[in-house]
Amino acid sequence: MPNPDNRADNAERIEDTIQHTLQNVHQTEDFVKANSEHLTNEEMSFLKEKNERRAASVDSLRHELKEEANYQQQKDK
């Protein structure tokens, strides 16, 4: 028997994921600033692309968070 859909903490989990991802973005930016003279062009490109993927992920998560808020509002009516 499948587990029931429990969405009670979805918004909180999404917010935590967004914050964690943004922390990773900032840590990577700080790392690049502090170590740019020791990084190859390939490494710099890899880190830049990784942060771009993270930014896209944050955008998607923010959209998902809005959908979750709408769901909660509809459910609470």
PDB file of N, CA and C in Angstrom:
ATOM      1  N   MET A   1       0.847  -1.177   0.000  1.00  0.00           N
ATOM      2  CA  MET A   1       0.000   0.000   0.000  1.00  0.00           C
ATOM      3  C   MET A   1       0.896   1.244   0.000  1.00  0.00           C
ATOM      4  N   PRO A   2       0.675   2.181  -0.913  1.00  0.00           N
ATOM      5  CA  PRO A   2       1.508   3.382  -0.984  1.00  0.00           C
ATOM      6  C   PRO A   2       1.296   4.280   0.235  1.00  0.00           C
ATOM      7  N   ASN A   3       2.344   4.995   0.563  1.00  0.00           N
ATOM      8  CA  ASN A   3       2.252   5.965   1.656  1.00  0.00           C
ATOM      9  C   ASN A   3       1.418   7.159   1.221  1.00  0.00           C
ATOM     10  N   PRO A   4       0.618   7.721   2.135  1.00  0.00           N
ATOM     11  CA  PRO A   4      -0.156   8.920   1.777  1.00  0.00           C
ATOM     12  C   PRO A   4       0.771  10.100   1.535  1.00  0.00           C
ATOM     13  N   ASP A   5       0.325  11.014   0.692  1.00  0.00           N
ATOM     14  CA  ASP A   5       1.109  12.207   0.369  1.00  0.00           C
ATOM     15  C   ASP A   5       1.072  13.164   1.558  1.00  0.00           C
ATOM     16  N   ASN A   6       2.207  13.309   2.234  1.00  0.00           N
ATOM     17  CA  ASN A   6       2.290  14.216   3.377  1.00  0.00           C
ATOM     18  C   ASN A   6       3.093  15.442   2.956  1.00  0.00           C
ATOM     19  N   ARG A   7       2.387  16.541   2.720  1.00  0.00           N
ATOM     20  CA  ARG A   7       3.028  17.761   2.235  1.00  0.00           C
ATOM     21  C   ARG A   7       3.171  18.795   3.343  1.00  0.00           C
ATOM     22  N   ALA A   8       3.007  18.400   4.572  1.00  0.00           N
ATOM     23  CA  ALA A   8       2.985  19.336   5.693  1.00  0.00           C
ATOM     24  C   ALA A   8       4.265  20.154   5.809  1.00  0.00           C
ATOM     25  N   ASP A   9       5.409  19.547   5.509  1.00  0.00           N
ATOM     26  CA  ASP A   9       6.670  20.273   5.675  1.00  0.00           C
ATOM     27  C   ASP A   9       7.378  20.567   4.348  1.00  0.00           C
ATOM     28  N   ASN A  10       6.657  20.451   3.240  1.00  0.00           N
ATOM     29  CA  ASN A  10       7.274  20.688   1.932  1.00  0.00           C
ATOM     30  C   ASN A  10       7.864  22.095   1.813  1.00  0.00           C
ATOM     31  N   ALA A  11       7.114  23.108   2.220  1.00  0.00           N
ATOM     32  CA  ALA A  11       7.590  24.488   2.075  1.00  0.00           C
ATOM     33  C   ALA A  11       8.874  24.686   2.874  1.00  0.00           C
ATOM     34  N   GLU A  12       8.906  24.161   4.074  1.00  0.00           N
ATOM     35  CA  GLU A  12      10.101  24.301   4.916  1.00  0.00           C
ATOM     36  C   GLU A  12      11.301  23.587   4.299  1.00  0.00           C
ATOM     37  N   ARG A  13      11.073  22.397   3.772  1.00  0.00           N
ATOM     38  CA  ARG A  13      12.168  21.655   3.143  1.00  0.00           C
ATOM     39  C   ARG A  13      12.668  22.375   1.886  1.00  0.00           C
ATOM     40  N   ILE A  14      11.775  22.938   1.114  1.00  0.00           N
ATOM     41  CA  ILE A  14      12.171  23.675  -0.089  1.00  0.00           C
ATOM     42  C   ILE A  14      12.977  24.913   0.303  1.00  0.00           C
ATOM     43  N   GLU A  15      12.520  25.640   1.320  1.00  0.00           N
ATOM     44  CA  GLU A  15      13.253  26.824   1.787  1.00  0.00           C
ATOM     45  C   GLU A  15      14.647  26.448   2.267  1.00  0.00           C
ATOM     46  N   ASP A  16      14.757  25.331   3.008  1.00  0.00           N
ATOM     47  CA  ASP A  16      16.072  24.873   3.473  1.00  0.00           C
ATOM     48  C   ASP A  16      16.990  24.545   2.298  1.00  0.00           C
ATOM     49  N   THR A  17      16.431  23.904   1.288  1.00  0.00           N
ATOM     50  CA  THR A  17      17.220  23.545   0.109  1.00  0.00           C
ATOM     51  C   THR A  17      17.696  24.796  -0.626  1.00  0.00           C
ATOM     52  N   ILE A  18      16.823  25.786  -0.741  1.00  0.00           N
ATOM     53  CA  ILE A  18      17.206  27.045  -1.388  1.00  0.00           C
ATOM     54  C   ILE A  18      18.356  27.690  -0.627  1.00  0.00           C
ATOM     55  N   GLN A  19      18.235  27.785   0.688  1.00  0.00           N
ATOM     56  CA  GLN A  19      19.283  28.408   1.499  1.00  0.00           C
ATOM     57  C   GLN A  19      20.600  27.654   1.388  1.00  0.00           C
ATOM     58  N   HIS A  20      20.550  26.341   1.422  1.00  0.00           N
ATOM     59  CA  HIS A  20      21.759  25.531   1.310  1.00  0.00           C
ATOM     60  C   HIS A  20      22.423  25.730  -0.061  1.00  0.00           C
ATOM     61  N   THR A  21      21.609  25.761  -1.097  1.00  0.00           N
ATOM     62  CA  THR A  21      22.139  25.951  -2.450  1.00  0.00           C
ATOM     63  C   THR A  21      22.769  27.334  -2.595  1.00  0.00           C
ATOM     64  N   LEU A  22      22.126  28.355  -2.053  1.00  0.00           N
ATOM     65  CA  LEU A  22      22.689  29.708  -2.111  1.00  0.00           C
ATOM     66  C   LEU A  22      24.000  29.795  -1.319  1.00  0.00           C
ATOM     67  N   GLN A  23      24.088  29.083  -0.205  1.00  0.00           N
ATOM     68  CA  GLN A  23      25.342  29.035   0.554  1.00  0.00           C
ATOM     69  C   GLN A  23      26.448  28.433  -0.304  1.00  0.00           C
ATOM     70  N   ASN A  24      26.115  27.369  -1.031  1.00  0.00           N
ATOM     71  CA  ASN A  24      27.105  26.747  -1.911  1.00  0.00           C
ATOM     72  C   ASN A  24      27.568  27.706  -2.998  1.00  0.00           C
ATOM     73  N   VAL A  25      26.640  28.479  -3.542  1.00  0.00           N
ATOM     74  CA  VAL A  25      26.989  29.462  -4.568  1.00  0.00           C
ATOM     75  C   VAL A  25      27.984  30.469  -3.995  1.00  0.00           C
ATOM     76  N   HIS A  26      27.683  31.002  -2.823  1.00  0.00           N
ATOM     77  CA  HIS A  26      28.552  32.015  -2.209  1.00  0.00           C
ATOM     78  C   HIS A  26      29.906  31.428  -1.813  1.00  0.00           C
ATOM     79  N   GLN A  27      29.922  30.208  -1.316  1.00  0.00           N
ATOM     80  CA  GLN A  27      31.187  29.573  -0.958  1.00  0.00           C
ATOM     81  C   GLN A  27      32.056  29.372  -2.190  1.00  0.00           C
ATOM     82  N   THR A  28      31.426  28.973  -3.280  1.00  0.00           N
ATOM     83  CA  THR A  28      32.181  28.778  -4.522  1.00  0.00           C
ATOM     84  C   THR A  28      32.728  30.109  -5.028  1.00  0.00           C
ATOM     85  N   GLU A  29      31.907  31.157  -4.970  1.00  0.00           N
ATOM     86  CA  GLU A  29      32.381  32.477  -5.395  1.00  0.00           C
ATOM     87  C   GLU A  29      33.558  32.935  -4.536  1.00  0.00           C
ATOM     88  N   ASP A  30      33.464  32.751  -3.228  1.00  0.00           N
ATOM     89  CA  ASP A  30      34.557  33.125  -2.331  1.00  0.00           C
ATOM     90  C   ASP A  30      35.811  32.311  -2.618  1.00  0.00           C
ATOM     91  N   PHE A  31      35.625  31.018  -2.884  1.00  0.00           N
ATOM     92  CA  PHE A  31      36.756  30.147  -3.200  1.00  0.00           C
ATOM     93  C   PHE A  31      37.457  30.617  -4.473  1.00  0.00           C
ATOM     94  N   VAL A  32      36.678  30.931  -5.488  1.00  0.00           N
ATOM     95  CA  VAL A  32      37.248  31.374  -6.760  1.00  0.00           C
ATOM     96  C   VAL A  32      38.021  32.689  -6.561  1.00  0.00           C
ATOM     97  N   LYS A  33      37.436  33.631  -5.807  1.00  0.00           N
ATOM     98  CA  LYS A  33      38.117  34.902  -5.556  1.00  0.00           C
ATOM     99  C   LYS A  33      39.444  34.689  -4.836  1.00  0.00           C
ATOM    100  N   ALA A  34      39.444  33.797  -3.868  1.00  0.00           N
ATOM    101  CA  ALA A  34      40.642  33.578  -3.061  1.00  0.00           C
ATOM    102  C   ALA A  34      41.701  32.750  -3.786  1.00  0.00           C
ATOM    103  N   ASN A  35      41.293  31.978  -4.778  1.00  0.00           N
ATOM    104  CA  ASN A  35      42.218  31.030  -5.406  1.00  0.00           C
ATOM    105  C   ASN A  35      42.317  31.163  -6.911  1.00  0.00           C
ATOM    106  N   SER A  36      41.821  32.237  -7.469  1.00  0.00           N
ATOM    107  CA  SER A  36      41.755  32.354  -8.928  1.00  0.00           C
ATOM    108  C   SER A  36      43.123  32.212  -9.605  1.00  0.00           C
ATOM    109  N   GLU A  37      44.165  32.693  -8.940  1.00  0.00           N
ATOM    110  CA  GLU A  37      45.493  32.602  -9.563  1.00  0.00           C
ATOM    111  C   GLU A  37      46.015  31.172  -9.605  1.00  0.00           C
ATOM    112  N   HIS A  38      45.398  30.269  -8.840  1.00  0.00           N
ATOM    113  CA  HIS A  38      45.848  28.874  -8.801  1.00  0.00           C
ATOM    114  C   HIS A  38      44.937  27.944  -9.592  1.00  0.00           C
ATOM    115  N   LEU A  39      43.867  28.478 -10.141  1.00  0.00           N
ATOM    116  CA  LEU A  39      42.915  27.655 -10.878  1.00  0.00           C
ATOM    117  C   LEU A  39      43.161  27.743 -12.373  1.00  0.00           C
ATOM    118  N   THR A  40      42.984  26.627 -13.043  1.00  0.00           N
ATOM    119  CA  THR A  40      43.105  26.623 -14.504  1.00  0.00           C
ATOM    120  C   THR A  40      41.825  27.202 -15.104  1.00  0.00           C
ATOM    121  N   ASN A  41      41.884  27.531 -16.373  1.00  0.00           N
ATOM    122  CA  ASN A  41      40.690  28.010 -17.066  1.00  0.00           C
ATOM    123  C   ASN A  41      39.578  26.967 -17.031  1.00  0.00           C
ATOM    124  N   GLU A  42      39.951  25.691 -17.159  1.00  0.00           N
ATOM    125  CA  GLU A  42      38.960  24.626 -17.108  1.00  0.00           C
ATOM    126  C   GLU A  42      38.286  24.574 -15.741  1.00  0.00           C
ATOM    127  N   GLU A  43      39.057  24.705 -14.676  1.00  0.00           N
ATOM    128  CA  GLU A  43      38.494  24.690 -13.328  1.00  0.00           C
ATOM    129  C   GLU A  43      37.580  25.893 -13.107  1.00  0.00           C
ATOM    130  N   MET A  44      38.015  27.048 -13.566  1.00  0.00           N
ATOM    131  CA  MET A  44      37.194  28.257 -13.436  1.00  0.00           C
ATOM    132  C   MET A  44      35.881  28.086 -14.195  1.00  0.00           C
ATOM    133  N   SER A  45      35.958  27.550 -15.392  1.00  0.00           N
ATOM    134  CA  SER A  45      34.772  27.326 -16.211  1.00  0.00           C
ATOM    135  C   SER A  45      33.835  26.320 -15.542  1.00  0.00           C
ATOM    136  N   PHE A  46      34.413  25.247 -15.007  1.00  0.00           N
ATOM    137  CA  PHE A  46      33.616  24.231 -14.325  1.00  0.00           C
ATOM    138  C   PHE A  46      32.856  24.841 -13.149  1.00  0.00           C
ATOM    139  N   LEU A  47      33.541  25.631 -12.329  1.00  0.00           N
ATOM    140  CA  LEU A  47      32.907  26.236 -11.155  1.00  0.00           C
ATOM    141  C   LEU A  47      31.842  27.257 -11.562  1.00  0.00           C
ATOM    142  N   LYS A  48      32.115  28.019 -12.617  1.00  0.00           N
ATOM    143  CA  LYS A  48      31.129  28.986 -13.103  1.00  0.00           C
ATOM    144  C   LYS A  48      29.875  28.266 -13.595  1.00  0.00           C
ATOM    145  N   GLU A  49      30.060  27.195 -14.363  1.00  0.00           N
ATOM    146  CA  GLU A  49      28.921  26.437 -14.878  1.00  0.00           C
ATOM    147  C   GLU A  49      28.142  25.774 -13.745  1.00  0.00           C
ATOM    148  N   LYS A  50      28.854  25.294 -12.735  1.00  0.00           N
ATOM    149  CA  LYS A  50      28.186  24.667 -11.600  1.00  0.00           C
ATOM    150  C   LYS A  50      27.301  25.683 -10.879  1.00  0.00           C
ATOM    151  N   ASN A  51      27.815  26.895 -10.693  1.00  0.00           N
ATOM    152  CA  ASN A  51      27.012  27.933 -10.053  1.00  0.00           C
ATOM    153  C   ASN A  51      25.831  28.353 -10.924  1.00  0.00           C
ATOM    154  N   GLU A  52      25.992  28.328 -12.224  1.00  0.00           N
ATOM    155  CA  GLU A  52      24.873  28.626 -13.115  1.00  0.00           C
ATOM    156  C   GLU A  52      23.777  27.569 -12.974  1.00  0.00           C
ATOM    157  N   ARG A  53      24.181  26.305 -12.847  1.00  0.00           N
ATOM    158  CA  ARG A  53      23.193  25.235 -12.635  1.00  0.00           C
ATOM    159  C   ARG A  53      22.512  25.405 -11.283  1.00  0.00           C
ATOM    160  N   ARG A  54      23.294  25.806 -10.290  1.00  0.00           N
ATOM    161  CA  ARG A  54      22.713  26.049  -8.967  1.00  0.00           C
ATOM    162  C   ARG A  54      21.697  27.193  -9.024  1.00  0.00           C
ATOM    163  N   ALA A  55      22.017  28.249  -9.741  1.00  0.00           N
ATOM    164  CA  ALA A  55      21.096  29.387  -9.866  1.00  0.00           C
ATOM    165  C   ALA A  55      19.808  28.943 -10.558  1.00  0.00           C
ATOM    166  N   ALA A  56      19.925  28.118 -11.578  1.00  0.00           N
ATOM    167  CA  ALA A  56      18.736  27.603 -12.263  1.00  0.00           C
ATOM    168  C   ALA A  56      17.918  26.731 -11.309  1.00  0.00           C
ATOM    169  N   SER A  57      18.593  25.961 -10.498  1.00  0.00           N
ATOM    170  CA  SER A  57      17.911  25.121  -9.517  1.00  0.00           C
ATOM    171  C   SER A  57      17.160  25.973  -8.501  1.00  0.00           C
ATOM    172  N   VAL A  58      17.784  27.046  -8.040  1.00  0.00           N
ATOM    173  CA  VAL A  58      17.134  27.947  -7.084  1.00  0.00           C
ATOM    174  C   VAL A  58      15.881  28.562  -7.715  1.00  0.00           C
ATOM    175  N   ASP A  59      15.978  28.958  -8.968  1.00  0.00           N
ATOM    176  CA  ASP A  59      14.804  29.515  -9.661  1.00  0.00           C
ATOM    177  C   ASP A  59      13.664  28.495  -9.688  1.00  0.00           C
ATOM    178  N   SER A  60      13.989  27.258 -10.011  1.00  0.00           N
ATOM    179  CA  SER A  60      12.972  26.201 -10.043  1.00  0.00           C
ATOM    180  C   SER A  60      12.391  25.948  -8.659  1.00  0.00           C
ATOM    181  N   LEU A  61      13.253  25.943  -7.662  1.00  0.00           N
ATOM    182  CA  LEU A  61      12.784  25.724  -6.291  1.00  0.00           C
ATOM    183  C   LEU A  61      11.882  26.855  -5.823  1.00  0.00           C
ATOM    184  N   ARG A  62      12.198  28.078  -6.197  1.00  0.00           N
ATOM    185  CA  ARG A  62      11.344  29.209  -5.825  1.00  0.00           C
ATOM    186  C   ARG A  62       9.965  29.080  -6.467  1.00  0.00           C
ATOM    187  N   HIS A  63       9.942  28.622  -7.708  1.00  0.00           N
ATOM    188  CA  HIS A  63       8.666  28.382  -8.391  1.00  0.00           C
ATOM    189  C   HIS A  63       7.889  27.279  -7.662  1.00  0.00           C
ATOM    190  N   GLU A  64       8.581  26.222  -7.298  1.00  0.00           N
ATOM    191  CA  GLU A  64       7.952  25.126  -6.574  1.00  0.00           C
ATOM    192  C   GLU A  64       7.426  25.600  -5.217  1.00  0.00           C
ATOM    193  N   LEU A  65       8.170  26.491  -4.560  1.00  0.00           N
ATOM    194  CA  LEU A  65       7.741  27.035  -3.273  1.00  0.00           C
ATOM    195  C   LEU A  65       6.447  27.840  -3.420  1.00  0.00           C
ATOM    196  N   LYS A  66       6.352  28.615  -4.499  1.00  0.00           N
ATOM    197  CA  LYS A  66       5.120  29.364  -4.765  1.00  0.00           C
ATOM    198  C   LYS A  66       3.943  28.420  -4.988  1.00  0.00           C
ATOM    199  N   GLU A  67       4.184  27.347  -5.741  1.00  0.00           N
ATOM    200  CA  GLU A  67       3.133  26.369  -5.974  1.00  0.00           C
ATOM    201  C   GLU A  67       2.705  25.717  -4.667  1.00  0.00           C
ATOM    202  N   GLU A  68       3.665  25.427  -3.824  1.00  0.00           N
ATOM    203  CA  GLU A  68       3.353  24.815  -2.533  1.00  0.00           C
ATOM    204  C   GLU A  68       2.539  25.772  -1.661  1.00  0.00           C
ATOM    205  N   ALA A  69       2.897  27.050  -1.670  1.00  0.00           N
ATOM    206  CA  ALA A  69       2.142  28.046  -0.904  1.00  0.00           C
ATOM    207  C   ALA A  69       0.714  28.134  -1.423  1.00  0.00           C
ATOM    208  N   ASN A  70       0.537  28.111  -2.741  1.00  0.00           N
ATOM    209  CA  ASN A  70      -0.815  28.132  -3.327  1.00  0.00           C
ATOM    210  C   ASN A  70      -1.601  26.898  -2.919  1.00  0.00           C
ATOM    211  N   TYR A  71      -0.947  25.744  -2.923  1.00  0.00           N
ATOM    212  CA  TYR A  71      -1.608  24.502  -2.519  1.00  0.00           C
ATOM    213  C   TYR A  71      -2.065  24.604  -1.067  1.00  0.00           C
ATOM    214  N   GLN A  72      -1.184  25.089  -0.198  1.00  0.00           N
ATOM    215  CA  GLN A  72      -1.534  25.212   1.220  1.00  0.00           C
ATOM    216  C   GLN A  72      -2.709  26.162   1.428  1.00  0.00           C
ATOM    217  N   GLN A  73      -2.718  27.277   0.679  1.00  0.00           N
ATOM    218  CA  GLN A  73      -3.823  28.235   0.792  1.00  0.00           C
ATOM    219  C   GLN A  73      -5.138  27.598   0.356  1.00  0.00           C
ATOM    220  N   GLN A  74      -5.108  26.843  -0.729  1.00  0.00           N
ATOM    221  CA  GLN A  74      -6.313  26.183  -1.220  1.00  0.00           C
ATOM    222  C   GLN A  74      -6.785  25.120  -0.236  1.00  0.00           C
ATOM    223  N   LYS A  75      -5.846  24.419   0.355  1.00  0.00           N
ATOM    224  CA  LYS A  75      -6.176  23.354   1.294  1.00  0.00           C
ATOM    225  C   LYS A  75      -6.788  23.927   2.572  1.00  0.00           C
ATOM    226  N   ASP A  76      -6.309  25.105   2.985  1.00  0.00           N
ATOM    227  CA  ASP A  76      -6.763  25.718   4.229  1.00  0.00           C
ATOM    228  C   ASP A  76      -8.122  26.414   4.098  1.00  0.00           C
ATOM    229  N   LYS A  77      -8.620  26.547   2.898  1.00  0.00           N
ATOM    230  CA  LYS A  77      -9.920  27.211   2.698  1.00  0.00           C
ATOM    231  C   LYS A  77     -11.057  26.329   3.113  1.00  0.00           C
TER     232      LYS A  77
END
